[in-house]
Amino acid sequence: MSTLVDSLQAAAGLITDGESQLAGIVILSLRVSLSAVSLAALLGLPLGALLAVGRFPGRQTLIIVINGFMGLPPVVVGLLVYLLLSRAGPLGTFGLLFTPTAMIVAQTLLITPIIAALARQIIADAWAETHEQLRSLGAAPWRAALTLLWDTRFSLFTALLAGFGRAAAEVGAVMIVGGNIDGVTRVMTTTIALETSKGDLPLALALGLVLITLVLALNTAAHLMRQWAMRRYG
């Protein structure tokens, strides 16, 4: 018990003192995860809207595939990205392996299906309520999709939060493609795994507390935003 208390006190000290190693790891983690969420949103939101509004051959199959890819094993994604970016791979000449860019690519592949699937469900529900009105106005499918993306923007923020949570908590894929190099590709989750195995509990606990605080803060912000939107727009 005393060991746990001492470790928690040391972890709190690292956070309050703004320890440089801790700050660098947190900043890199946020940069990687937020970049991945941004790219996944650019891919996943239009794809989700297309699947919700569009009617084309293979649509149901694509929906099943997207939903299935929500549970992609991270280590498999990491392995595929590793093979693509390794020197023997098709993208090896760019030298991206064991860089933050490789980690962003891996996280983007992991969370794009999550954002696309959640966006499809949200927009499909809105489409069911408004499709007659939009059709009566002569809106083409692509214009209807854009309209619904805007109308459901506050609900879609929840999908983005789910993607961020998945990216921020990722260990396996980023460990494989990033290498967990100190000062280069070491993020919060990989550092927690490494420091715990080494027995350095204060740093692991400090990063764990920061990670939990970030997730709670983002979810609180999302909840407050939705409450504000409901009061303003009904």
C-alpha atoms as a PDB file:
ATOM      1  CA  MET A   1       0.000   0.000   0.000  1.00  0.00           C
ATOM      2  CA  SER A   2       2.797   2.405   0.876  1.00  0.00           C
ATOM      3  CA  THR A   3       4.432   1.732  -2.507  1.00  0.00           C
ATOM      4  CA  LEU A   4       1.248   2.720  -4.308  1.00  0.00           C
ATOM      5  CA  VAL A   5       0.865   5.884  -2.244  1.00  0.00           C
ATOM      6  CA  ASP A   6       4.508   6.844  -2.820  1.00  0.00           C
ATOM      7  CA  SER A   7       4.131   6.205  -6.564  1.00  0.00           C
ATOM      8  CA  LEU A   8       0.988   8.335  -6.740  1.00  0.00           C
ATOM      9  CA  GLN A   9       2.696  11.157  -4.873  1.00  0.00           C
ATOM     10  CA  ALA A  10       5.683  10.974  -7.198  1.00  0.00           C
ATOM     11  CA  ALA A  11       3.362  10.918 -10.212  1.00  0.00           C
ATOM     12  CA  ALA A  12       1.524  13.997  -8.955  1.00  0.00           C
ATOM     13  CA  GLY A  13       4.875  15.702  -8.505  1.00  0.00           C
ATOM     14  CA  LEU A  14       5.866  14.976 -12.101  1.00  0.00           C
ATOM     15  CA  ILE A  15       2.630  16.499 -13.339  1.00  0.00           C
ATOM     16  CA  THR A  16       2.669  19.609 -11.156  1.00  0.00           C
ATOM     17  CA  ASP A  17       6.360  20.274 -11.821  1.00  0.00           C
ATOM     18  CA  GLY A  18       5.796  20.115 -15.604  1.00  0.00           C
ATOM     19  CA  GLU A  19       8.593  17.559 -16.043  1.00  0.00           C
ATOM     20  CA  SER A  20      10.044  18.014 -19.548  1.00  0.00           C
ATOM     21  CA  GLN A  21      10.042  14.316 -20.493  1.00  0.00           C
ATOM     22  CA  LEU A  22       6.403  14.002 -19.467  1.00  0.00           C
ATOM     23  CA  ALA A  23       5.408  17.136 -21.383  1.00  0.00           C
ATOM     24  CA  GLY A  24       7.212  15.993 -24.543  1.00  0.00           C
ATOM     25  CA  ILE A  25       5.480  12.604 -24.486  1.00  0.00           C
ATOM     26  CA  VAL A  26       2.046  14.174 -23.966  1.00  0.00           C
ATOM     27  CA  ILE A  27       2.562  16.727 -26.758  1.00  0.00           C
ATOM     28  CA  LEU A  28       3.691  14.030 -29.214  1.00  0.00           C
ATOM     29  CA  SER A  29       0.746  11.829 -28.259  1.00  0.00           C
ATOM     30  CA  LEU A  30      -1.713  14.645 -28.877  1.00  0.00           C
ATOM     31  CA  ARG A  31      -0.065  15.566 -32.180  1.00  0.00           C
ATOM     32  CA  VAL A  32      -0.223  12.003 -33.466  1.00  0.00           C
ATOM     33  CA  SER A  33      -3.761  11.256 -32.273  1.00  0.00           C
ATOM     34  CA  LEU A  34      -5.276  14.577 -33.353  1.00  0.00           C
ATOM     35  CA  SER A  35      -3.627  14.301 -36.780  1.00  0.00           C
ATOM     36  CA  ALA A  36      -5.013  10.790 -37.179  1.00  0.00           C
ATOM     37  CA  VAL A  37      -8.506  11.906 -36.136  1.00  0.00           C
ATOM     38  CA  SER A  38      -8.392  14.805 -38.605  1.00  0.00           C
ATOM     39  CA  LEU A  39      -7.410  12.522 -41.488  1.00  0.00           C
ATOM     40  CA  ALA A  40      -9.925   9.869 -40.448  1.00  0.00           C
ATOM     41  CA  ALA A  41     -12.660  12.511 -40.299  1.00  0.00           C
ATOM     42  CA  LEU A  42     -11.843  13.688 -43.829  1.00  0.00           C
ATOM     43  CA  LEU A  43     -12.203  10.093 -45.016  1.00  0.00           C
ATOM     44  CA  GLY A  44     -14.817   8.671 -42.671  1.00  0.00           C
ATOM     45  CA  LEU A  45     -17.436  11.422 -42.516  1.00  0.00           C
ATOM     46  CA  PRO A  46     -18.037  11.664 -46.298  1.00  0.00           C
ATOM     47  CA  LEU A  47     -17.966   7.864 -46.552  1.00  0.00           C
ATOM     48  CA  GLY A  48     -20.523   7.541 -43.759  1.00  0.00           C
ATOM     49  CA  ALA A  49     -22.760  10.149 -45.391  1.00  0.00           C
ATOM     50  CA  LEU A  50     -22.493   8.387 -48.754  1.00  0.00           C
ATOM     51  CA  LEU A  51     -23.480   5.055 -47.224  1.00  0.00           C
ATOM     52  CA  ALA A  52     -26.393   6.657 -45.370  1.00  0.00           C
ATOM     53  CA  VAL A  53     -27.874   8.593 -48.277  1.00  0.00           C
ATOM     54  CA  GLY A  54     -26.643   6.856 -51.420  1.00  0.00           C
ATOM     55  CA  ARG A  55     -28.167   3.818 -53.065  1.00  0.00           C
ATOM     56  CA  PHE A  56     -25.732   1.905 -55.256  1.00  0.00           C
ATOM     57  CA  PRO A  57     -24.682  -1.710 -55.959  1.00  0.00           C
ATOM     58  CA  GLY A  58     -22.517  -3.152 -53.205  1.00  0.00           C
ATOM     59  CA  ARG A  59     -23.693  -0.658 -50.588  1.00  0.00           C
ATOM     60  CA  GLN A  60     -24.784  -3.295 -48.074  1.00  0.00           C
ATOM     61  CA  THR A  61     -21.554  -5.208 -48.534  1.00  0.00           C
ATOM     62  CA  LEU A  62     -19.552  -2.042 -47.920  1.00  0.00           C
ATOM     63  CA  ILE A  63     -21.568  -1.303 -44.770  1.00  0.00           C
ATOM     64  CA  ILE A  64     -20.853  -4.813 -43.464  1.00  0.00           C
ATOM     65  CA  VAL A  65     -17.142  -4.410 -44.217  1.00  0.00           C
ATOM     66  CA  ILE A  66     -16.956  -0.998 -42.519  1.00  0.00           C
ATOM     67  CA  ASN A  67     -18.775  -2.299 -39.447  1.00  0.00           C
ATOM     68  CA  GLY A  68     -16.491  -5.325 -39.332  1.00  0.00           C
ATOM     69  CA  PHE A  69     -13.383  -3.158 -39.595  1.00  0.00           C
ATOM     70  CA  MET A  70     -14.419  -1.318 -36.416  1.00  0.00           C
ATOM     71  CA  GLY A  71     -12.880  -4.253 -34.570  1.00  0.00           C
ATOM     72  CA  LEU A  72      -9.647  -4.451 -36.538  1.00  0.00           C
ATOM     73  CA  PRO A  73      -6.854  -5.964 -34.401  1.00  0.00           C
ATOM     74  CA  PRO A  74      -4.316  -3.148 -33.862  1.00  0.00           C
ATOM     75  CA  VAL A  75      -1.309  -5.451 -34.209  1.00  0.00           C
ATOM     76  CA  VAL A  76      -2.553  -6.608 -37.621  1.00  0.00           C
ATOM     77  CA  VAL A  77      -2.898  -3.007 -38.770  1.00  0.00           C
ATOM     78  CA  GLY A  78       0.555  -2.283 -37.396  1.00  0.00           C
ATOM     79  CA  LEU A  79       1.977  -5.250 -39.272  1.00  0.00           C
ATOM     80  CA  LEU A  80       0.366  -4.194 -42.565  1.00  0.00           C
ATOM     81  CA  VAL A  81       1.652  -0.631 -42.216  1.00  0.00           C
ATOM     82  CA  TYR A  82       5.082  -1.975 -41.273  1.00  0.00           C
ATOM     83  CA  LEU A  83       5.168  -4.097 -44.447  1.00  0.00           C
ATOM     84  CA  LEU A  84       4.108  -1.116 -46.550  1.00  0.00           C
ATOM     85  CA  LEU A  85       6.686   1.260 -45.072  1.00  0.00           C
ATOM     86  CA  SER A  86       9.624  -1.107 -44.586  1.00  0.00           C
ATOM     87  CA  ARG A  87      12.551  -0.871 -46.979  1.00  0.00           C
ATOM     88  CA  ALA A  88      11.292  -3.893 -48.896  1.00  0.00           C
ATOM     89  CA  GLY A  89       7.750  -2.488 -49.052  1.00  0.00           C
ATOM     90  CA  PRO A  90       6.189  -0.378 -51.803  1.00  0.00           C
ATOM     91  CA  LEU A  91       6.528   2.832 -49.755  1.00  0.00           C
ATOM     92  CA  GLY A  92       9.913   2.053 -48.253  1.00  0.00           C
ATOM     93  CA  THR A  93      11.713   4.699 -50.278  1.00  0.00           C
ATOM     94  CA  PHE A  94       9.996   7.459 -48.282  1.00  0.00           C
ATOM     95  CA  GLY A  95      11.706   6.391 -45.046  1.00  0.00           C
ATOM     96  CA  LEU A  96       8.580   6.779 -42.929  1.00  0.00           C
ATOM     97  CA  LEU A  97       8.977   3.712 -40.732  1.00  0.00           C
ATOM     98  CA  PHE A  98       9.712   4.466 -37.059  1.00  0.00           C
ATOM     99  CA  THR A  99       8.511   8.060 -37.403  1.00  0.00           C
ATOM    100  CA  PRO A 100       5.430   9.861 -36.059  1.00  0.00           C
ATOM    101  CA  THR A 101       4.060   9.837 -39.614  1.00  0.00           C
ATOM    102  CA  ALA A 102       3.961   6.040 -39.598  1.00  0.00           C
ATOM    103  CA  MET A 103       2.074   6.135 -36.308  1.00  0.00           C
ATOM    104  CA  ILE A 104      -0.431   8.601 -37.755  1.00  0.00           C
ATOM    105  CA  VAL A 105      -0.995   6.312 -40.744  1.00  0.00           C
ATOM    106  CA  ALA A 106      -1.611   3.309 -38.487  1.00  0.00           C
ATOM    107  CA  GLN A 107      -4.011   5.194 -36.230  1.00  0.00           C
ATOM    108  CA  THR A 108      -5.863   6.638 -39.221  1.00  0.00           C
ATOM    109  CA  LEU A 109      -6.448   3.161 -40.632  1.00  0.00           C
ATOM    110  CA  LEU A 110      -7.719   2.008 -37.243  1.00  0.00           C
ATOM    111  CA  ILE A 111     -10.189   4.779 -36.563  1.00  0.00           C
ATOM    112  CA  THR A 112     -11.522   5.617 -40.035  1.00  0.00           C
ATOM    113  CA  PRO A 113     -13.947   2.637 -39.982  1.00  0.00           C
ATOM    114  CA  ILE A 114     -15.138   3.673 -36.508  1.00  0.00           C
ATOM    115  CA  ILE A 115     -15.894   7.234 -37.572  1.00  0.00           C
ATOM    116  CA  ALA A 116     -17.447   6.105 -40.875  1.00  0.00           C
ATOM    117  CA  ALA A 117     -19.724   3.528 -39.217  1.00  0.00           C
ATOM    118  CA  LEU A 118     -20.896   5.878 -36.462  1.00  0.00           C
ATOM    119  CA  ALA A 119     -21.396   8.723 -38.937  1.00  0.00           C
ATOM    120  CA  ARG A 120     -23.426   6.452 -41.219  1.00  0.00           C
ATOM    121  CA  GLN A 121     -25.778   5.528 -38.387  1.00  0.00           C
ATOM    122  CA  ILE A 122     -26.204   9.121 -37.219  1.00  0.00           C
ATOM    123  CA  ILE A 123     -26.838  10.449 -40.723  1.00  0.00           C
ATOM    124  CA  ALA A 124     -29.103   7.510 -41.636  1.00  0.00           C
ATOM    125  CA  ASP A 125     -31.332   8.349 -38.665  1.00  0.00           C
ATOM    126  CA  ALA A 126     -31.473  12.000 -39.752  1.00  0.00           C
ATOM    127  CA  TRP A 127     -32.096  10.948 -43.371  1.00  0.00           C
ATOM    128  CA  ALA A 128     -35.073   8.830 -42.313  1.00  0.00           C
ATOM    129  CA  GLU A 129     -36.673  11.913 -40.751  1.00  0.00           C
ATOM    130  CA  THR A 130     -35.895  14.464 -43.478  1.00  0.00           C
ATOM    131  CA  HIS A 131     -35.555  12.553 -46.777  1.00  0.00           C
ATOM    132  CA  GLU A 132     -39.044  13.489 -48.014  1.00  0.00           C
ATOM    133  CA  GLN A 133     -38.417  17.160 -47.337  1.00  0.00           C
ATOM    134  CA  LEU A 134     -34.996  17.110 -48.972  1.00  0.00           C
ATOM    135  CA  ARG A 135     -36.311  15.237 -52.009  1.00  0.00           C
ATOM    136  CA  SER A 136     -39.209  17.661 -52.373  1.00  0.00           C
ATOM    137  CA  LEU A 137     -36.650  20.458 -52.521  1.00  0.00           C
ATOM    138  CA  GLY A 138     -34.869  18.621 -55.337  1.00  0.00           C
ATOM    139  CA  ALA A 139     -31.679  18.018 -53.399  1.00  0.00           C
ATOM    140  CA  ALA A 140     -29.280  15.666 -55.144  1.00  0.00           C
ATOM    141  CA  PRO A 141     -27.844  12.831 -53.005  1.00  0.00           C
ATOM    142  CA  TRP A 142     -24.485  14.561 -52.599  1.00  0.00           C
ATOM    143  CA  ARG A 143     -26.167  17.819 -51.584  1.00  0.00           C
ATOM    144  CA  ALA A 144     -28.430  15.988 -49.150  1.00  0.00           C
ATOM    145  CA  ALA A 145     -25.363  14.293 -47.657  1.00  0.00           C
ATOM    146  CA  LEU A 146     -23.621  17.646 -47.166  1.00  0.00           C
ATOM    147  CA  THR A 147     -26.766  19.118 -45.607  1.00  0.00           C
ATOM    148  CA  LEU A 148     -27.093  16.246 -43.165  1.00  0.00           C
ATOM    149  CA  LEU A 149     -23.389  16.392 -42.295  1.00  0.00           C
ATOM    150  CA  TRP A 150     -23.928  19.982 -41.240  1.00  0.00           C
ATOM    151  CA  ASP A 151     -27.250  19.378 -39.476  1.00  0.00           C
ATOM    152  CA  THR A 152     -25.837  16.496 -37.420  1.00  0.00           C
ATOM    153  CA  ARG A 153     -22.476  18.126 -36.709  1.00  0.00           C
ATOM    154  CA  PHE A 154     -22.939  18.087 -32.941  1.00  0.00           C
ATOM    155  CA  SER A 155     -23.856  14.398 -32.930  1.00  0.00           C
ATOM    156  CA  LEU A 156     -20.970  13.634 -35.281  1.00  0.00           C
ATOM    157  CA  PHE A 157     -18.607  15.177 -32.750  1.00  0.00           C
ATOM    158  CA  THR A 158     -19.338  12.121 -30.615  1.00  0.00           C
ATOM    159  CA  ALA A 159     -18.064   9.924 -33.441  1.00  0.00           C
ATOM    160  CA  LEU A 160     -14.872  11.963 -33.591  1.00  0.00           C
ATOM    161  CA  LEU A 161     -14.448  11.597 -29.837  1.00  0.00           C
ATOM    162  CA  ALA A 162     -14.819   7.836 -30.164  1.00  0.00           C
ATOM    163  CA  GLY A 163     -12.092   7.902 -32.797  1.00  0.00           C
ATOM    164  CA  PHE A 164      -9.825  10.011 -30.624  1.00  0.00           C
ATOM    165  CA  GLY A 165     -10.338   7.710 -27.659  1.00  0.00           C
ATOM    166  CA  ARG A 166      -9.430   4.725 -29.804  1.00  0.00           C
ATOM    167  CA  ALA A 167      -6.341   6.465 -31.185  1.00  0.00           C
ATOM    168  CA  ALA A 168      -5.120   7.815 -27.841  1.00  0.00           C
ATOM    169  CA  ALA A 169      -5.443   4.385 -26.210  1.00  0.00           C
ATOM    170  CA  GLU A 170      -3.633   2.516 -28.984  1.00  0.00           C
ATOM    171  CA  VAL A 171      -0.496   0.550 -28.106  1.00  0.00           C
ATOM    172  CA  GLY A 172       0.106  -2.387 -30.445  1.00  0.00           C
ATOM    173  CA  ALA A 173       0.074  -0.696 -33.845  1.00  0.00           C
ATOM    174  CA  VAL A 174       2.075   2.357 -32.823  1.00  0.00           C
ATOM    175  CA  MET A 175       4.616   0.165 -31.056  1.00  0.00           C
ATOM    176  CA  ILE A 176       5.202  -1.826 -34.243  1.00  0.00           C
ATOM    177  CA  VAL A 177       5.462   1.071 -36.705  1.00  0.00           C
ATOM    178  CA  GLY A 178       6.905   3.660 -34.311  1.00  0.00           C
ATOM    179  CA  GLY A 179       9.427   1.540 -32.450  1.00  0.00           C
ATOM    180  CA  ASN A 180       8.871   3.401 -29.151  1.00  0.00           C
ATOM    181  CA  ILE A 181      12.035   5.458 -29.696  1.00  0.00           C
ATOM    182  CA  ASP A 182      12.782   7.812 -26.820  1.00  0.00           C
ATOM    183  CA  GLY A 183      12.258  11.433 -27.846  1.00  0.00           C
ATOM    184  CA  VAL A 184      11.061  10.471 -31.330  1.00  0.00           C
ATOM    185  CA  THR A 185       8.084   8.101 -31.295  1.00  0.00           C
ATOM    186  CA  ARG A 186       7.435   7.444 -27.617  1.00  0.00           C
ATOM    187  CA  VAL A 187       3.806   8.313 -26.807  1.00  0.00           C
ATOM    188  CA  MET A 188       1.779   7.976 -23.622  1.00  0.00           C
ATOM    189  CA  THR A 189       0.492   4.440 -24.103  1.00  0.00           C
ATOM    190  CA  THR A 190       3.786   2.932 -25.213  1.00  0.00           C
ATOM    191  CA  THR A 191       5.616   4.733 -22.396  1.00  0.00           C
ATOM    192  CA  ILE A 192       3.126   3.424 -19.841  1.00  0.00           C
ATOM    193  CA  ALA A 193       3.683  -0.133 -21.090  1.00  0.00           C
ATOM    194  CA  LEU A 194       7.473   0.276 -21.098  1.00  0.00           C
ATOM    195  CA  GLU A 195       7.820   2.026 -17.738  1.00  0.00           C
ATOM    196  CA  THR A 196       5.477  -0.443 -16.035  1.00  0.00           C
ATOM    197  CA  SER A 197       7.595  -3.344 -17.278  1.00  0.00           C
ATOM    198  CA  LYS A 198      10.696  -1.543 -15.955  1.00  0.00           C
ATOM    199  CA  GLY A 199       9.062  -0.872 -12.609  1.00  0.00           C
ATOM    200  CA  ASP A 200       9.084   2.941 -13.011  1.00  0.00           C
ATOM    201  CA  LEU A 201       5.554   3.386 -11.698  1.00  0.00           C
ATOM    202  CA  PRO A 202       5.583   7.172 -11.062  1.00  0.00           C
ATOM    203  CA  LEU A 203       6.058   8.081 -14.732  1.00  0.00           C
ATOM    204  CA  ALA A 204       3.577   5.409 -15.858  1.00  0.00           C
ATOM    205  CA  LEU A 205       0.998   6.609 -13.341  1.00  0.00           C
ATOM    206  CA  ALA A 206       1.560  10.262 -14.254  1.00  0.00           C
ATOM    207  CA  LEU A 207       0.945   9.540 -17.932  1.00  0.00           C
ATOM    208  CA  GLY A 208      -2.064   7.405 -17.072  1.00  0.00           C
ATOM    209  CA  LEU A 209      -3.557  10.246 -15.046  1.00  0.00           C
ATOM    210  CA  VAL A 210      -2.933  12.706 -17.876  1.00  0.00           C
ATOM    211  CA  LEU A 211      -4.505  10.352 -20.417  1.00  0.00           C
ATOM    212  CA  ILE A 212      -7.605   9.802 -18.292  1.00  0.00           C
ATOM    213  CA  THR A 213      -7.915  13.537 -17.648  1.00  0.00           C
ATOM    214  CA  LEU A 214      -7.727  14.319 -21.373  1.00  0.00           C
ATOM    215  CA  VAL A 215     -10.404  11.774 -22.250  1.00  0.00           C
ATOM    216  CA  LEU A 216     -12.702  12.983 -19.469  1.00  0.00           C
ATOM    217  CA  ALA A 217     -12.171  16.625 -20.457  1.00  0.00           C
ATOM    218  CA  LEU A 218     -13.012  15.937 -24.104  1.00  0.00           C
ATOM    219  CA  ASN A 219     -16.110  13.949 -23.224  1.00  0.00           C
ATOM    220  CA  THR A 220     -17.245  16.679 -20.842  1.00  0.00           C
ATOM    221  CA  ALA A 221     -16.740  19.270 -23.580  1.00  0.00           C
ATOM    222  CA  ALA A 222     -18.748  17.136 -26.010  1.00  0.00           C
ATOM    223  CA  HIS A 223     -21.576  16.742 -23.499  1.00  0.00           C
ATOM    224  CA  LEU A 224     -21.699  20.477 -22.794  1.00  0.00           C
ATOM    225  CA  MET A 225     -21.639  21.229 -26.517  1.00  0.00           C
ATOM    226  CA  ARG A 226     -24.575  18.927 -27.190  1.00  0.00           C
ATOM    227  CA  GLN A 227     -26.522  20.410 -24.284  1.00  0.00           C
ATOM    228  CA  TRP A 228     -25.860  23.896 -25.636  1.00  0.00           C
ATOM    229  CA  ALA A 229     -26.925  22.848 -29.134  1.00  0.00           C
ATOM    230  CA  MET A 230     -30.150  21.291 -27.835  1.00  0.00           C
ATOM    231  CA  ARG A 231     -31.024  24.475 -25.941  1.00  0.00           C
ATOM    232  CA  ARG A 232     -30.240  26.718 -28.896  1.00  0.00           C
ATOM    233  CA  TYR A 233     -31.588  24.669 -31.791  1.00  0.00           C
ATOM    234  CA  GLY A 234     -34.162  22.567 -29.981  1.00  0.00           C
END
